[in-house]
C-alpha atoms as a PDB file:
ATOM      1  CA  MET A   1     152.729 137.198 211.130  1.00  0.00           C
ATOM      2  CA  ASP A   2     151.467 134.056 209.356  1.00  0.00           C
ATOM      3  CA  ASN A   3     147.861 132.955 209.644  1.00  0.00           C
ATOM      4  CA  ASN A   4     148.751 129.783 211.559  1.00  0.00           C
ATOM      5  CA  ARG A   5     150.403 131.842 214.320  1.00  0.00           C
ATOM      6  CA  ARG A   6     147.353 134.101 214.593  1.00  0.00           C
ATOM      7  CA  THR A   7     145.052 131.086 214.735  1.00  0.00           C
ATOM      8  CA  LEU A   8     147.080 129.495 217.525  1.00  0.00           C
ATOM      9  CA  LEU A   9     146.965 132.680 219.592  1.00  0.00           C
ATOM     10  CA  ALA A  10     143.245 133.078 219.050  1.00  0.00           C
ATOM     11  CA  THR A  11     142.693 129.493 220.135  1.00  0.00           C
ATOM     12  CA  GLY A  12     144.727 130.096 223.280  1.00  0.00           C
ATOM     13  CA  ALA A  13     142.566 133.090 224.119  1.00  0.00           C
ATOM     14  CA  ALA A  14     139.368 131.141 223.687  1.00  0.00           C
ATOM     15  CA  ALA A  15     140.227 128.064 225.709  1.00  0.00           C
ATOM     16  CA  ALA A  16     142.319 127.406 228.793  1.00  0.00           C
ATOM     17  CA  VAL A  17     145.327 125.154 228.589  1.00  0.00           C
ATOM     18  CA  VAL A  18     144.723 121.525 229.491  1.00  0.00           C
ATOM     19  CA  ALA A  19     146.005 121.239 233.046  1.00  0.00           C
ATOM     20  CA  ALA A  20     148.919 119.052 234.016  1.00  0.00           C
ATOM     21  CA  ALA A  21     148.570 116.615 236.887  1.00  0.00           C
ATOM     22  CA  PRO A  22     148.614 118.487 240.216  1.00  0.00           C
ATOM     23  CA  THR A  23     151.652 118.054 242.416  1.00  0.00           C
ATOM     24  CA  ALA A  24     152.700 119.320 245.828  1.00  0.00           C
ATOM     25  CA  PHE A  25     156.052 121.044 246.131  1.00  0.00           C
ATOM     26  CA  ALA A  26     158.074 121.495 249.306  1.00  0.00           C
ATOM     27  CA  GLN A  27     161.071 123.795 249.706  1.00  0.00           C
ATOM     28  CA  ALA A  28     162.997 125.387 252.534  1.00  0.00           C
ATOM     29  CA  LYS A  29     160.938 128.248 253.945  1.00  0.00           C
ATOM     30  CA  PRO A  30     162.274 130.818 256.388  1.00  0.00           C
ATOM     31  CA  GLY A  31     159.217 131.925 258.344  1.00  0.00           C
ATOM     32  CA  GLN A  32     156.989 129.193 256.946  1.00  0.00           C
ATOM     33  CA  GLY A  33     153.967 130.527 258.815  1.00  0.00           C
ATOM     34  CA  GLY A  34     153.647 133.262 256.197  1.00  0.00           C
ATOM     35  CA  GLY A  35     152.946 136.953 256.698  1.00  0.00           C
ATOM     36  CA  MET A  36     155.018 140.128 256.396  1.00  0.00           C
ATOM     37  CA  SER A  37     158.804 139.888 256.720  1.00  0.00           C
ATOM     38  CA  ILE A  38     162.015 141.743 255.884  1.00  0.00           C
ATOM     39  CA  TYR A  39     164.809 140.514 253.618  1.00  0.00           C
ATOM     40  CA  GLN A  40     168.030 142.476 253.998  1.00  0.00           C
ATOM     41  CA  LYS A  41     171.201 142.319 251.937  1.00  0.00           C
ATOM     42  CA  GLY A  42     173.770 145.011 252.549  1.00  0.00           C
ATOM     43  CA  ASP A  43     172.088 148.400 252.164  1.00  0.00           C
ATOM     44  CA  VAL A  44     169.003 146.857 250.580  1.00  0.00           C
ATOM     45  CA  ARG A  45     165.953 146.186 252.764  1.00  0.00           C
ATOM     46  CA  ILE A  46     162.960 144.498 251.109  1.00  0.00           C
ATOM     47  CA  HIS A  47     159.555 144.256 252.769  1.00  0.00           C
ATOM     48  CA  TYR A  48     157.730 141.159 251.539  1.00  0.00           C
ATOM     49  CA  GLU A  49     154.795 138.850 252.176  1.00  0.00           C
ATOM     50  CA  ASP A  50     155.136 135.063 252.005  1.00  0.00           C
ATOM     51  CA  THR A  51     152.041 132.905 252.341  1.00  0.00           C
ATOM     52  CA  GLY A  52     154.151 129.856 253.196  1.00  0.00           C
ATOM     53  CA  GLY A  53     152.622 126.509 252.406  1.00  0.00           C
ATOM     54  CA  SER A  54     153.846 123.756 250.113  1.00  0.00           C
ATOM     55  CA  GLY A  55     152.521 124.990 246.761  1.00  0.00           C
ATOM     56  CA  PHE A  56     154.772 125.780 243.825  1.00  0.00           C
ATOM     57  CA  PRO A  57     156.355 129.243 244.316  1.00  0.00           C
ATOM     58  CA  LEU A  58     154.617 132.178 242.637  1.00  0.00           C
ATOM     59  CA  LEU A  59     156.411 135.529 242.611  1.00  0.00           C
ATOM     60  CA  ILE A  60     153.818 138.292 242.322  1.00  0.00           C
ATOM     61  CA  ILE A  61     155.000 141.732 241.168  1.00  0.00           C
ATOM     62  CA  PRO A  62     152.412 144.411 242.017  1.00  0.00           C
ATOM     63  CA  GLY A  63     151.642 147.239 239.617  1.00  0.00           C
ATOM     64  CA  GLY A  64     151.832 150.947 240.247  1.00  0.00           C
ATOM     65  CA  GLY A  65     155.072 151.732 238.407  1.00  0.00           C
ATOM     66  CA  LEU A  66     157.892 152.819 240.689  1.00  0.00           C
ATOM     67  CA  ASN A  67     155.350 152.949 243.507  1.00  0.00           C
ATOM     68  CA  SER A  68     154.747 149.208 243.243  1.00  0.00           C
ATOM     69  CA  THR A  69     153.710 147.921 246.677  1.00  0.00           C
ATOM     70  CA  ILE A  70     151.926 144.926 248.132  1.00  0.00           C
ATOM     71  CA  GLY A  71     148.964 147.198 248.879  1.00  0.00           C
ATOM     72  CA  PHE A  72     148.302 147.493 245.130  1.00  0.00           C
ATOM     73  CA  LEU A  73     147.010 143.924 245.095  1.00  0.00           C
ATOM     74  CA  ALA A  74     144.118 144.639 247.446  1.00  0.00           C
ATOM     75  CA  GLY A  75     143.400 148.081 246.028  1.00  0.00           C
ATOM     76  CA  ALA A  76     144.127 148.968 242.408  1.00  0.00           C
ATOM     77  CA  ALA A  77     144.683 145.510 240.919  1.00  0.00           C
ATOM     78  CA  PRO A  78     141.968 144.049 238.671  1.00  0.00           C
ATOM     79  CA  PHE A  79     142.180 140.927 240.863  1.00  0.00           C
ATOM     80  CA  ASN A  80     144.157 140.109 243.995  1.00  0.00           C
ATOM     81  CA  ALA A  81     146.591 137.400 242.923  1.00  0.00           C
ATOM     82  CA  ILE A  82     147.454 136.432 246.499  1.00  0.00           C
ATOM     83  CA  GLU A  83     143.817 135.858 247.394  1.00  0.00           C
ATOM     84  CA  GLU A  84     143.151 134.012 244.146  1.00  0.00           C
ATOM     85  CA  PHE A  85     146.106 131.627 244.290  1.00  0.00           C
ATOM     86  CA  LYS A  86     147.262 131.315 247.915  1.00  0.00           C
ATOM     87  CA  ASN A  87     145.523 127.969 248.394  1.00  0.00           C
ATOM     88  CA  GLU A  88     147.367 126.445 245.428  1.00  0.00           C
ATOM     89  CA  TYR A  89     150.697 128.288 245.344  1.00  0.00           C
ATOM     90  CA  ARG A  90     153.242 129.683 247.727  1.00  0.00           C
ATOM     91  CA  CYS A  91     152.652 133.361 246.927  1.00  0.00           C
ATOM     92  CA  ILE A  92     155.465 135.862 247.472  1.00  0.00           C
ATOM     93  CA  ALA A  93     155.047 139.608 246.891  1.00  0.00           C
ATOM     94  CA  ALA A  94     157.204 142.585 247.862  1.00  0.00           C
ATOM     95  CA  ASP A  95     157.284 146.357 247.932  1.00  0.00           C
ATOM     96  CA  LEU A  96     159.557 147.651 245.191  1.00  0.00           C
ATOM     97  CA  ARG A  97     162.830 149.150 246.357  1.00  0.00           C
ATOM     98  CA  ASN A  98     162.291 152.881 247.051  1.00  0.00           C
ATOM     99  CA  ALA A  99     158.562 152.862 246.321  1.00  0.00           C
ATOM    100  CA  PRO A 100     157.344 155.928 248.269  1.00  0.00           C
ATOM    101  CA  GLY A 101     154.255 154.108 249.517  1.00  0.00           C
ATOM    102  CA  GLY A 102     156.129 150.999 250.636  1.00  0.00           C
ATOM    103  CA  GLN A 103     158.648 149.832 253.199  1.00  0.00           C
ATOM    104  CA  SER A 104     161.511 148.678 250.947  1.00  0.00           C
ATOM    105  CA  SER A 105     164.624 150.765 250.544  1.00  0.00           C
ATOM    106  CA  GLY A 106     168.091 150.688 249.051  1.00  0.00           C
ATOM    107  CA  PRO A 107     170.566 152.554 246.875  1.00  0.00           C
ATOM    108  CA  LEU A 108     169.317 154.248 243.732  1.00  0.00           C
ATOM    109  CA  GLU A 109     171.499 152.436 241.195  1.00  0.00           C
ATOM    110  CA  VAL A 110     171.512 154.971 238.385  1.00  0.00           C
ATOM    111  CA  GLU A 111     173.453 152.791 235.931  1.00  0.00           C
ATOM    112  CA  ARG A 112     171.319 149.656 236.335  1.00  0.00           C
ATOM    113  CA  PRO A 113     167.768 150.502 237.454  1.00  0.00           C
ATOM    114  CA  TRP A 114     165.994 147.464 235.998  1.00  0.00           C
ATOM    115  CA  ASP A 115     168.734 145.057 237.072  1.00  0.00           C
ATOM    116  CA  SER A 116     168.776 146.429 240.620  1.00  0.00           C
ATOM    117  CA  HIS A 117     165.123 145.428 240.964  1.00  0.00           C
ATOM    118  CA  ALA A 118     165.872 142.013 239.436  1.00  0.00           C
ATOM    119  CA  ASP A 119     168.653 141.642 242.013  1.00  0.00           C
ATOM    120  CA  ASP A 120     166.089 142.208 244.773  1.00  0.00           C
ATOM    121  CA  GLN A 121     163.585 139.746 243.317  1.00  0.00           C
ATOM    122  CA  LEU A 122     166.109 136.983 242.677  1.00  0.00           C
ATOM    123  CA  GLY A 123     167.827 137.677 246.003  1.00  0.00           C
ATOM    124  CA  LEU A 124     164.527 137.343 247.833  1.00  0.00           C
ATOM    125  CA  MET A 125     163.867 133.986 246.187  1.00  0.00           C
ATOM    126  CA  ASP A 126     167.385 132.869 247.163  1.00  0.00           C
ATOM    127  CA  HIS A 127     166.691 133.999 250.731  1.00  0.00           C
ATOM    128  CA  LEU A 128     163.546 131.856 250.775  1.00  0.00           C
ATOM    129  CA  GLY A 129     165.385 128.818 249.399  1.00  0.00           C
ATOM    130  CA  ILE A 130     163.452 128.889 246.136  1.00  0.00           C
ATOM    131  CA  LYS A 131     165.130 127.719 242.950  1.00  0.00           C
ATOM    132  CA  GLN A 132     162.358 127.757 240.347  1.00  0.00           C
ATOM    133  CA  PHE A 133     159.173 129.807 240.300  1.00  0.00           C
ATOM    134  CA  ILE A 134     156.404 131.275 238.178  1.00  0.00           C
ATOM    135  CA  ALA A 135     156.341 135.074 237.894  1.00  0.00           C
ATOM    136  CA  LEU A 136     153.060 136.998 237.671  1.00  0.00           C
ATOM    137  CA  GLY A 137     153.320 140.740 237.225  1.00  0.00           C
ATOM    138  CA  TYR A 138     150.981 143.655 236.705  1.00  0.00           C
ATOM    139  CA  CYS A 139     151.930 146.844 234.856  1.00  0.00           C
ATOM    140  CA  ILE A 140     155.666 147.435 235.524  1.00  0.00           C
ATOM    141  CA  GLY A 141     155.837 143.725 236.309  1.00  0.00           C
ATOM    142  CA  GLY A 142     155.726 143.068 232.552  1.00  0.00           C
ATOM    143  CA  PRO A 143     159.199 144.407 231.689  1.00  0.00           C
ATOM    144  CA  MET A 144     160.457 143.083 235.020  1.00  0.00           C
ATOM    145  CA  ILE A 145     159.384 139.552 234.124  1.00  0.00           C
ATOM    146  CA  TRP A 146     161.103 139.802 230.744  1.00  0.00           C
ATOM    147  CA  ASN A 147     164.239 140.908 232.574  1.00  0.00           C
ATOM    148  CA  LEU A 148     163.971 138.024 235.056  1.00  0.00           C
ATOM    149  CA  ILE A 149     163.647 135.567 232.179  1.00  0.00           C
ATOM    150  CA  LYS A 150     166.731 137.108 230.570  1.00  0.00           C
ATOM    151  CA  ARG A 151     168.689 137.044 233.833  1.00  0.00           C
ATOM    152  CA  ALA A 152     167.577 133.624 235.097  1.00  0.00           C
ATOM    153  CA  PRO A 153     165.985 131.548 232.315  1.00  0.00           C
ATOM    154  CA  ASP A 154     166.523 128.346 234.281  1.00  0.00           C
ATOM    155  CA  ARG A 155     164.580 129.693 237.255  1.00  0.00           C
ATOM    156  CA  VAL A 156     161.512 131.366 235.745  1.00  0.00           C
ATOM    157  CA  VAL A 157     159.454 128.446 234.441  1.00  0.00           C
ATOM    158  CA  ALA A 158     156.590 130.638 233.168  1.00  0.00           C
ATOM    159  CA  GLY A 159     155.458 134.257 233.187  1.00  0.00           C
ATOM    160  CA  VAL A 160     152.046 135.930 233.378  1.00  0.00           C
ATOM    161  CA  LEU A 161     152.052 139.552 232.172  1.00  0.00           C
ATOM    162  CA  ALA A 162     148.856 141.356 233.166  1.00  0.00           C
ATOM    163  CA  GLN A 163     148.270 144.814 231.602  1.00  0.00           C
ATOM    164  CA  PRO A 164     152.017 145.115 230.870  1.00  0.00           C
ATOM    165  CA  VAL A 165     153.858 148.392 230.454  1.00  0.00           C
ATOM    166  CA  GLY A 166     155.211 149.243 227.015  1.00  0.00           C
ATOM    167  CA  SER A 167     156.669 152.110 225.023  1.00  0.00           C
ATOM    168  CA  ARG A 168     154.444 153.898 222.520  1.00  0.00           C
ATOM    169  CA  PRO A 169     156.197 155.526 219.532  1.00  0.00           C
ATOM    170  CA  GLU A 170     154.102 158.686 219.864  1.00  0.00           C
ATOM    171  CA  ALA A 171     154.992 159.118 223.566  1.00  0.00           C
ATOM    172  CA  ARG A 172     158.494 157.799 224.199  1.00  0.00           C
ATOM    173  CA  ASP A 173     158.966 159.995 227.287  1.00  0.00           C
ATOM    174  CA  PHE A 174     155.646 159.114 228.910  1.00  0.00           C
ATOM    175  CA  PHE A 175     157.202 157.256 231.875  1.00  0.00           C
ATOM    176  CA  TYR A 176     160.248 159.490 232.217  1.00  0.00           C
ATOM    177  CA  GLU A 177     158.155 162.658 232.440  1.00  0.00           C
ATOM    178  CA  GLY A 178     155.449 161.091 234.591  1.00  0.00           C
ATOM    179  CA  ASN A 179     157.895 159.784 237.182  1.00  0.00           C
ATOM    180  CA  LEU A 180     159.836 163.031 237.203  1.00  0.00           C
ATOM    181  CA  LYS A 181     156.630 164.835 238.207  1.00  0.00           C
ATOM    182  CA  SER A 182     155.142 162.294 240.622  1.00  0.00           C
ATOM    183  CA  TRP A 183     157.621 159.681 241.884  1.00  0.00           C
ATOM    184  CA  ALA A 184     160.655 161.987 242.132  1.00  0.00           C
ATOM    185  CA  PRO A 185     159.206 164.524 244.628  1.00  0.00           C
ATOM    186  CA  GLU A 186     157.851 161.733 246.832  1.00  0.00           C
ATOM    187  CA  ILE A 187     161.085 159.754 246.995  1.00  0.00           C
ATOM    188  CA  MET A 188     163.013 162.941 247.768  1.00  0.00           C
ATOM    189  CA  LYS A 189     160.773 163.488 250.801  1.00  0.00           C
ATOM    190  CA  ARG A 190     161.791 160.061 252.111  1.00  0.00           C
ATOM    191  CA  ARG A 191     165.401 160.277 250.955  1.00  0.00           C
ATOM    192  CA  PRO A 192     166.545 163.901 251.353  1.00  0.00           C
ATOM    193  CA  GLU A 193     170.107 162.915 250.438  1.00  0.00           C
ATOM    194  CA  LEU A 194     168.977 162.231 246.863  1.00  0.00           C
ATOM    195  CA  THR A 195     169.324 165.053 244.366  1.00  0.00           C
ATOM    196  CA  MET A 196     167.161 165.743 241.352  1.00  0.00           C
ATOM    197  CA  GLU A 197     170.242 165.212 239.194  1.00  0.00           C
ATOM    198  CA  THR A 198     170.649 161.659 240.536  1.00  0.00           C
ATOM    199  CA  ILE A 199     166.961 160.898 240.053  1.00  0.00           C
ATOM    200  CA  ASP A 200     167.054 162.295 236.523  1.00  0.00           C
ATOM    201  CA  ARG A 201     169.979 160.004 235.685  1.00  0.00           C
ATOM    202  CA  PHE A 202     168.112 157.020 237.155  1.00  0.00           C
ATOM    203  CA  LEU A 203     164.944 157.705 235.163  1.00  0.00           C
ATOM    204  CA  THR A 204     166.908 158.476 232.007  1.00  0.00           C
ATOM    205  CA  LYS A 205     168.707 155.142 232.205  1.00  0.00           C
ATOM    206  CA  MET A 206     165.458 153.322 233.008  1.00  0.00           C
ATOM    207  CA  TYR A 207     163.145 154.813 230.391  1.00  0.00           C
ATOM    208  CA  ARG A 208     165.196 156.750 227.794  1.00  0.00           C
ATOM    209  CA  THR A 209     168.274 154.604 227.131  1.00  0.00           C
ATOM    210  CA  ASN A 210     166.262 151.796 225.479  1.00  0.00           C
ATOM    211  CA  PRO A 211     162.948 153.591 224.984  1.00  0.00           C
ATOM    212  CA  ASP A 212     161.467 151.126 222.507  1.00  0.00           C
ATOM    213  CA  PHE A 213     159.213 148.108 222.984  1.00  0.00           C
ATOM    214  CA  VAL A 214     159.281 146.767 226.610  1.00  0.00           C
ATOM    215  CA  PHE A 215     162.410 148.611 227.888  1.00  0.00           C
ATOM    216  CA  THR A 216     164.255 145.590 229.306  1.00  0.00           C
ATOM    217  CA  VAL A 217     164.665 143.237 226.337  1.00  0.00           C
ATOM    218  CA  THR A 218     164.760 143.439 222.556  1.00  0.00           C
ATOM    219  CA  ARG A 219     162.389 141.981 220.019  1.00  0.00           C
ATOM    220  CA  ASP A 220     165.112 139.516 219.061  1.00  0.00           C
ATOM    221  CA  PHE A 221     165.250 138.285 222.656  1.00  0.00           C
ATOM    222  CA  VAL A 222     161.478 137.808 222.815  1.00  0.00           C
ATOM    223  CA  ARG A 223     161.537 136.051 219.449  1.00  0.00           C
ATOM    224  CA  SER A 224     164.082 133.553 220.761  1.00  0.00           C
ATOM    225  CA  CYS A 225     162.576 133.148 224.248  1.00  0.00           C
ATOM    226  CA  ARG A 226     161.368 129.604 224.947  1.00  0.00           C
ATOM    227  CA  THR A 227     159.828 130.389 228.348  1.00  0.00           C
ATOM    228  CA  PRO A 228     156.012 130.084 228.276  1.00  0.00           C
ATOM    229  CA  VAL A 229     154.284 133.426 228.784  1.00  0.00           C
ATOM    230  CA  LEU A 230     150.644 134.434 229.065  1.00  0.00           C
ATOM    231  CA  VAL A 231     149.871 138.033 228.078  1.00  0.00           C
ATOM    232  CA  LEU A 232     146.741 139.842 229.275  1.00  0.00           C
ATOM    233  CA  PRO A 233     146.763 143.083 227.260  1.00  0.00           C
ATOM    234  CA  ASP A 234     145.319 146.416 228.274  1.00  0.00           C
ATOM    235  CA  ASP A 235     144.682 149.518 226.177  1.00  0.00           C
ATOM    236  CA  VAL A 236     145.517 152.660 228.172  1.00  0.00           C
ATOM    237  CA  PRO A 237     148.490 155.059 227.771  1.00  0.00           C
ATOM    238  CA  PRO A 238     150.882 153.228 230.158  1.00  0.00           C
ATOM    239  CA  HIS A 239     149.751 149.771 228.986  1.00  0.00           C
ATOM    240  CA  PRO A 240     149.624 149.933 225.179  1.00  0.00           C
ATOM    241  CA  TYR A 241     147.693 147.145 223.501  1.00  0.00           C
ATOM    242  CA  ALA A 242     149.946 147.130 220.419  1.00  0.00           C
ATOM    243  CA  VAL A 243     153.121 146.426 222.406  1.00  0.00           C
ATOM    244  CA  ALA A 244     151.498 143.688 224.499  1.00  0.00           C
ATOM    245  CA  MET A 245     150.194 141.963 221.388  1.00  0.00           C
ATOM    246  CA  GLU A 246     153.484 142.342 219.550  1.00  0.00           C
ATOM    247  CA  SER A 247     155.319 140.599 222.381  1.00  0.00           C
ATOM    248  CA  ALA A 248     152.717 137.802 222.339  1.00  0.00           C
ATOM    249  CA  MET A 249     153.035 137.399 218.575  1.00  0.00           C
ATOM    250  CA  LEU A 250     156.834 137.293 218.735  1.00  0.00           C
ATOM    251  CA  ALA A 251     157.304 134.900 221.666  1.00  0.00           C
ATOM    252  CA  PRO A 252     157.159 131.325 220.347  1.00  0.00           C
ATOM    253  CA  ASN A 253     155.519 129.903 223.488  1.00  0.00           C
ATOM    254  CA  ALA A 254     153.129 132.767 224.189  1.00  0.00           C
ATOM    255  CA  GLU A 255     149.404 132.730 224.825  1.00  0.00           C
ATOM    256  CA  VAL A 256     147.091 135.689 225.003  1.00  0.00           C
ATOM    257  CA  SER A 257     143.876 136.288 226.925  1.00  0.00           C
ATOM    258  CA  MET A 258     140.588 137.557 225.586  1.00  0.00           C
ATOM    259  CA  PHE A 259     140.399 141.308 225.133  1.00  0.00           C
ATOM    260  CA  PRO A 260     139.073 143.248 226.874  1.00  0.00           C
ATOM    261  CA  TRP A 261     139.335 141.093 229.981  1.00  0.00           C
ATOM    262  CA  LYS A 262     138.891 143.706 232.736  1.00  0.00           C
ATOM    263  CA  GLU A 263     135.637 145.226 231.495  1.00  0.00           C
ATOM    264  CA  PRO A 264     132.917 144.355 232.077  1.00  0.00           C
ATOM    265  CA  LYS A 265     134.062 143.062 235.464  1.00  0.00           C
ATOM    266  CA  GLU A 266     132.218 139.796 234.881  1.00  0.00           C
ATOM    267  CA  ARG A 267     135.050 138.860 232.503  1.00  0.00           C
ATOM    268  CA  ILE A 268     137.779 138.981 235.146  1.00  0.00           C
ATOM    269  CA  PRO A 269     136.974 135.510 236.579  1.00  0.00           C
ATOM    270  CA  LEU A 270     137.369 134.085 233.064  1.00  0.00           C
ATOM    271  CA  ALA A 271     140.821 135.671 232.783  1.00  0.00           C
ATOM    272  CA  VAL A 272     141.776 134.327 236.220  1.00  0.00           C
ATOM    273  CA  ARG A 273     140.593 130.883 235.143  1.00  0.00           C
ATOM    274  CA  GLN A 274     142.916 131.007 232.134  1.00  0.00           C
ATOM    275  CA  ILE A 275     145.824 132.155 234.340  1.00  0.00           C
ATOM    276  CA  ARG A 276     145.157 129.263 236.713  1.00  0.00           C
ATOM    277  CA  SER A 277     145.138 126.715 233.872  1.00  0.00           C
ATOM    278  CA  PHE A 278     148.252 128.223 232.289  1.00  0.00           C
ATOM    279  CA  MET A 279     150.237 128.124 235.538  1.00  0.00           C
ATOM    280  CA  LYS A 280     149.086 124.621 236.377  1.00  0.00           C
ATOM    281  CA  ALA A 281     150.225 123.404 232.965  1.00  0.00           C
ATOM    282  CA  HIS A 282     153.704 124.864 233.293  1.00  0.00           C
ATOM    283  CA  ARG A 283     154.702 124.441 236.926  1.00  0.00           C
ATOM    284  CA  THR A 284     157.379 121.792 237.459  1.00  0.00           C
ATOM    285  CA  ALA A 285     158.152 119.224 240.115  1.00  0.00           C
END
């Protein structure tokens, strides 16, 4: 990458984006009072939380891989995005379909695992009367946000990818093998009609069909993506630093946080401050 590109990214990590003028946004809101609710479409049942309010919509995708649930935000997350942003944004979060620790359920779509989750996320926003939104995702939320941008570029106005998942060349089967050992037995307890053969096909399609980079999109897509993204890299086996930084270097409208941003913990408020400035600069009326 050329030196100018590296300089721009470094500058973005050191200083928050100049904020745009604040604006209030009102949209149709089923259950405007906020709280836990159920969105159902056919055989799919999604358990979600909607804070209500008139702020610009913020879709929050919890981490935890295929066990992504709302509870992650108050437990394992480096910061609780709902608590941080609920006074400024209309925060919406949901349990992932078929997460063993959650209350969402639906068919295991073996031929389109990533797109089935995108269906749920976009369907939920349709249900809430939301056209455009910002997406903030932890962990598995990274590839999911890329997929949402690919599926609905006119709806996702900006993305925040915190400790995003990626594929490491030396461990291409890391997620396939890990989910086969942990997620598969748990989902079979809840869904006894599922066979190991079906689950194997699902995980194979999800993690082994396009095992490179971020699973859901290609480098060429990221290189051509005009949607603003903010990447907060991590450096652990499921969240490889190299992949996160490569996506930030490729995306023409990407910014990157300081690194490390989670340790020491005193750095987390600085990362949240940058997220807040980034989202404020890119939300639309």
